[in-house]
Structure formats: C-alpha cells, structure tokens
Amino acid sequence: MLSAAKLGIIPLSALGEEEQGAMMPEGQTVKVLIMVSGSKIIKTRSGDTMCFLTMEDLSGECEGVLFPKVWEKYAPMLAPGSVVAVTGDVSHKDDKIALLVKTVHVPNHASAPLPAMGMNVQVKSSVHEKKQKIYLRLSSKNDKIVQRLLALLAIFDGNCPVVLFFDDSKEYVMAEGYAVEPTPRLISHLTDLLGETNVIVKSV
C-alpha cells in the first residue's frame, strides 16, 4: 500500500494551530485523508445548502467547509463514518484553521482487494513482532464492510499488526500493509463499525 506521503497527502496537524504560531498560509491547496465524524448543514441567505464537516485523522480534527455547488456534488460521499481524500484551500477562520473543500474522492485502497488472503497468522513468533496486535472479526471475505474497514485502517497508519478473522471459513488473515496506531479513537471507530465483541486488542 502506498504511504500517504507518497500520495501527496498530509496529516491535519500539518495545517498548524494559531496558538502555536505555525498556521499554514491561507489559500494554500492541500490534500488530506480523513474520516467524516460529523456535519452541520445550513441554508445560505439565497436558500442554497452548504455544509460544515468535522474531519479527523490520527493527528487531530479540522473543519471542512463545503459551499453549495461543492456540497451538492459530493454530499452522497460524506456521510458520517465515510473515509475520503479531500483537496481544499486553507482558510484562517476566526483564528482557526479550516479547509475550503474543492474536491472529494474515495482513496484507491478503499476499493482495492483485501491483501494477503489466505495467509494464516498462526506461525512462529518473529523477533520483529510488535507488542500489540488487533484482531477483528467479520462474517466473510466478501462482507461489504471490509473495504470500509480497510479505508479506516489506512487513516490510523502505524506499527501495530491487524489480523482479520472470518466466521464463514474460520480463517485468520494478516492485513498486510494495514498496520495501525491503536489509539482510543481508532478502537472507538472499530467498535462502532464492527461491534464491541468483534474488536480485540492483545499483547503479544
């Protein structure tokens, strides 16, 4: 899987904070990979609809502003929980960073096939094995939720291995290329997506 950096994607934290005196210049165009965690839809004076998104990634949160024409075009892609790549212009809104969204698209990995299918993880321990491992339980390899899951994992890029267990085949599969940073925020999103009993973090 290509890293976010190779795809020209930056973390939200790179946009900066006013109190740190390091805000990215207004008007600069950037690309971020985010999860939509909330939205507020309002009517303009002319009666058109626009939206303020709450966008988050591993590094933090940022507001995304979608003016009427942009919102009309991309609204179906921006339901809460959606993982998308967003391109926009930096705005200093009330001394805070916001992103004026220009384009939205589903990142390539969200439609890619599940990697390393059939690789059983019940093998000898390696000296390179990490201290934690996340086990995620799904109904099958063809479960529609798999691609949404992979897109979510891509946002929380890190070093903790992820293992998928499929109920129908009773098979354990290492999600190669989708190691994560097991933050409380990620675990919360995973339990919301899969259910609390289907997400296990183990020390190894």
Protein backbone atom coordinates (compact mmCIF):
# COMPACT_ATOMS: atom_id res chain seq x y z
CA MET A 1 0.00 0.00 0.00
CA LEU A 2 1.36 3.43 -0.91
CA SER A 3 2.01 5.69 2.05
CA ALA A 4 0.02 8.86 2.45
CA ALA A 5 3.18 10.89 1.94
CA LYS A 6 3.81 9.29 -1.47
CA LEU A 7 0.27 10.19 -2.48
CA GLY A 8 0.83 13.84 -1.54
CA ILE A 9 -1.43 13.57 1.49
CA ILE A 10 -0.59 15.48 4.67
CA PRO A 11 -1.89 14.98 8.23
CA LEU A 12 -4.38 17.51 9.58
CA SER A 13 -1.87 18.52 12.24
CA ALA A 14 0.39 19.88 9.48
CA LEU A 15 -2.14 22.65 8.91
CA GLY A 16 -1.00 24.11 12.24
CA GLU A 17 -2.63 25.90 15.13
CA GLU A 18 -2.90 29.61 15.75
CA GLU A 19 -1.67 29.37 19.34
CA GLN A 20 1.49 27.63 18.12
CA GLY A 21 2.17 30.43 15.66
CA ALA A 22 2.64 27.99 12.82
CA MET A 23 -0.53 28.14 10.75
CA MET A 24 -0.22 27.06 7.12
CA PRO A 25 -0.58 30.08 4.79
CA GLU A 26 -4.13 30.99 3.85
CA GLY A 27 -5.09 29.91 0.35
CA GLN A 28 -2.58 27.08 0.15
CA THR A 29 -4.03 23.97 -1.51
CA VAL A 30 -3.57 20.71 0.39
CA LYS A 31 -4.78 17.13 0.26
CA VAL A 32 -5.81 15.17 3.36
CA LEU A 33 -7.14 11.67 4.05
CA ILE A 34 -9.89 11.94 6.63
CA MET A 35 -12.88 10.36 8.28
CA VAL A 36 -16.09 12.37 8.46
CA SER A 37 -17.05 12.41 12.13
CA GLY A 38 -19.81 15.00 11.98
CA SER A 39 -21.58 17.57 9.83
CA LYS A 40 -23.72 20.68 10.14
CA ILE A 41 -25.92 21.61 7.18
CA ILE A 42 -27.17 25.18 6.86
CA LYS A 43 -29.12 27.32 4.41
CA THR A 44 -27.45 30.36 2.88
CA ARG A 45 -29.26 33.68 2.52
CA SER A 46 -30.07 32.75 -1.05
CA GLY A 47 -31.66 29.48 0.09
CA ASP A 48 -28.88 27.19 -1.06
CA THR A 49 -27.50 24.40 1.13
CA MET A 50 -23.91 24.24 2.36
CA CYS A 51 -22.14 22.11 4.94
CA PHE A 52 -19.56 22.33 7.70
CA LEU A 53 -17.81 18.99 8.18
CA THR A 54 -15.90 17.75 11.19
CA MET A 55 -12.94 15.92 9.67
CA GLU A 56 -10.47 13.81 11.63
CA ASP A 57 -7.39 11.71 11.18
CA LEU A 58 -4.81 10.19 13.51
CA SER A 59 -3.26 13.60 14.20
CA GLY A 60 -6.38 15.60 15.06
CA GLU A 61 -9.51 17.35 13.78
CA CYS A 62 -10.28 20.17 11.37
CA GLU A 63 -13.38 21.84 9.98
CA GLY A 64 -14.17 21.40 6.31
CA VAL A 65 -16.35 23.98 4.57
CA LEU A 66 -18.35 22.95 1.51
CA PHE A 67 -20.07 25.75 -0.35
CA PRO A 68 -23.37 24.97 -2.13
CA LYS A 69 -22.06 23.74 -5.51
CA VAL A 70 -19.38 21.57 -3.89
CA TRP A 71 -21.82 20.19 -1.30
CA GLU A 72 -24.38 19.33 -3.98
CA LYS A 73 -21.74 17.40 -5.92
CA TYR A 74 -20.15 15.45 -3.07
CA ALA A 75 -22.84 15.13 -0.39
CA PRO A 76 -23.53 11.42 -1.10
CA MET A 77 -19.87 10.63 -0.33
CA LEU A 78 -19.77 12.43 3.02
CA ALA A 79 -22.00 10.54 5.42
CA PRO A 80 -20.64 10.25 8.97
CA GLY A 81 -18.06 7.48 9.11
CA SER A 82 -17.03 7.90 5.47
CA VAL A 83 -13.31 7.81 4.69
CA VAL A 84 -12.33 10.08 1.82
CA ALA A 85 -9.44 12.05 0.35
CA VAL A 86 -10.19 15.78 0.36
CA THR A 87 -8.45 18.56 -1.55
CA GLY A 88 -9.05 22.10 -0.43
CA ASP A 89 -7.68 25.55 0.31
CA VAL A 90 -6.51 26.53 3.77
CA SER A 91 -8.62 29.19 5.46
CA HIS A 92 -7.96 31.10 8.69
CA LYS A 93 -11.48 31.15 10.09
CA ASP A 94 -11.86 33.01 13.39
CA ASP A 95 -8.15 32.45 14.06
CA LYS A 96 -8.58 28.73 13.49
CA ILE A 97 -7.62 26.56 10.54
CA ALA A 98 -10.40 25.37 8.24
CA LEU A 99 -10.33 23.76 4.84
CA LEU A 100 -12.41 25.11 1.97
CA VAL A 101 -13.18 21.86 0.21
CA LYS A 102 -12.77 21.75 -3.57
CA THR A 103 -12.83 18.04 -4.44
CA VAL A 104 -13.59 14.74 -2.71
CA HIS A 105 -12.81 11.23 -3.83
CA VAL A 106 -12.64 7.72 -2.41
CA PRO A 107 -8.97 6.73 -1.95
CA ASN A 108 -7.68 3.90 -4.10
CA HIS A 109 -7.15 1.49 -1.22
CA ALA A 110 -10.84 1.68 -0.32
CA SER A 111 -11.71 -0.27 -3.47
CA ALA A 112 -8.64 -2.50 -3.55
CA PRO A 113 -8.84 -6.24 -2.89
CA LEU A 114 -8.04 -7.48 0.59
CA PRO A 115 -4.28 -8.10 0.76
CA ALA A 116 -2.56 -11.38 1.54
CA MET A 117 -5.69 -13.52 1.53
CA GLY A 118 -5.14 -16.98 2.92
CA MET A 119 -2.05 -16.08 4.94
CA ASN A 120 -2.57 -17.86 8.23
CA VAL A 121 -1.12 -15.91 11.13
CA GLN A 122 -0.68 -18.86 13.45
CA VAL A 123 3.06 -19.12 12.78
CA LYS A 124 6.23 -18.88 14.85
CA SER A 125 6.80 -15.62 16.63
CA SER A 126 9.19 -13.24 14.94
CA VAL A 127 11.74 -11.01 16.62
CA HIS A 128 10.11 -8.16 14.69
CA GLU A 129 6.65 -8.82 16.14
CA LYS A 130 5.06 -5.79 17.77
CA LYS A 131 3.93 -5.53 21.37
CA GLN A 132 0.23 -5.38 20.45
CA LYS A 133 -1.95 -6.97 17.81
CA ILE A 134 -5.54 -6.14 16.89
CA TYR A 135 -7.97 -8.93 15.96
CA LEU A 136 -11.09 -8.01 14.01
CA ARG A 137 -13.95 -10.43 13.37
CA LEU A 138 -16.02 -10.29 10.17
CA SER A 139 -18.63 -12.58 8.66
CA SER A 140 -16.73 -13.32 5.44
CA LYS A 141 -14.13 -12.03 2.97
CA ASN A 142 -16.98 -10.77 0.82
CA ASP A 143 -18.56 -8.75 3.60
CA LYS A 144 -19.33 -5.27 2.23
CA ILE A 145 -17.88 -3.75 5.37
CA VAL A 146 -14.34 -4.99 4.57
CA GLN A 147 -13.47 -2.16 2.17
CA ARG A 148 -14.79 0.47 4.57
CA LEU A 149 -12.70 -1.16 7.30
CA LEU A 150 -9.51 -1.02 5.21
CA ALA A 151 -10.10 2.65 4.45
CA LEU A 152 -10.45 3.34 8.17
CA LEU A 153 -7.26 1.44 8.99
CA ALA A 154 -5.35 3.46 6.40
CA ILE A 155 -6.07 6.69 8.29
CA PHE A 156 -4.55 5.37 11.53
CA ASP A 157 -1.27 4.21 9.96
CA GLY A 158 1.20 2.82 12.49
CA ASN A 159 3.11 -0.30 13.56
CA CYS A 160 0.51 -2.49 15.28
CA PRO A 161 -0.41 -5.53 13.13
CA VAL A 162 -4.06 -6.18 12.30
CA VAL A 163 -5.48 -9.68 11.97
CA LEU A 164 -8.85 -10.38 10.37
CA PHE A 165 -10.91 -13.42 11.37
CA PHE A 166 -13.65 -14.62 9.01
CA ASP A 167 -16.54 -16.51 10.58
CA ASP A 168 -17.53 -18.49 7.49
CA SER A 169 -14.11 -20.01 6.79
CA LYS A 170 -12.75 -19.85 10.36
CA GLU A 171 -9.63 -18.31 8.82
CA TYR A 172 -7.18 -15.82 10.29
CA VAL A 173 -5.67 -13.39 7.78
CA MET A 174 -2.94 -10.84 8.37
CA ALA A 175 -3.93 -7.50 6.85
CA GLU A 176 -0.57 -6.84 5.21
CA GLY A 177 0.09 -3.12 4.64
CA TYR A 178 -2.56 -2.02 7.14
CA ALA A 179 -0.66 -1.81 10.44
CA VAL A 180 -2.15 0.87 12.67
CA GLU A 181 -1.62 3.12 15.67
CA PRO A 182 -4.02 1.58 18.26
CA THR A 183 -5.30 4.84 19.74
CA PRO A 184 -8.52 5.03 21.78
CA ARG A 185 -10.06 6.96 18.87
CA LEU A 186 -9.33 4.13 16.42
CA ILE A 187 -10.63 1.47 18.80
CA SER A 188 -13.81 3.50 19.28
CA HIS A 189 -14.33 3.72 15.50
CA LEU A 190 -13.67 -0.01 15.08
CA THR A 191 -16.19 -0.96 17.76
CA ASP A 192 -18.76 1.37 16.21
CA LEU A 193 -18.18 -0.29 12.84
CA LEU A 194 -17.88 -3.94 13.86
CA GLY A 195 -19.37 -4.17 17.35
CA GLU A 196 -17.53 -4.28 20.66
CA THR A 197 -17.28 -8.08 20.78
CA ASN A 198 -15.62 -8.17 17.35
CA VAL A 199 -12.63 -5.99 18.24
CA ILE A 200 -9.87 -7.42 20.44
CA VAL A 201 -6.50 -5.84 21.28
CA LYS A 202 -3.96 -8.36 22.55
CA SER A 203 -0.45 -8.05 23.91
CA VAL A 204 1.91 -10.44 22.14
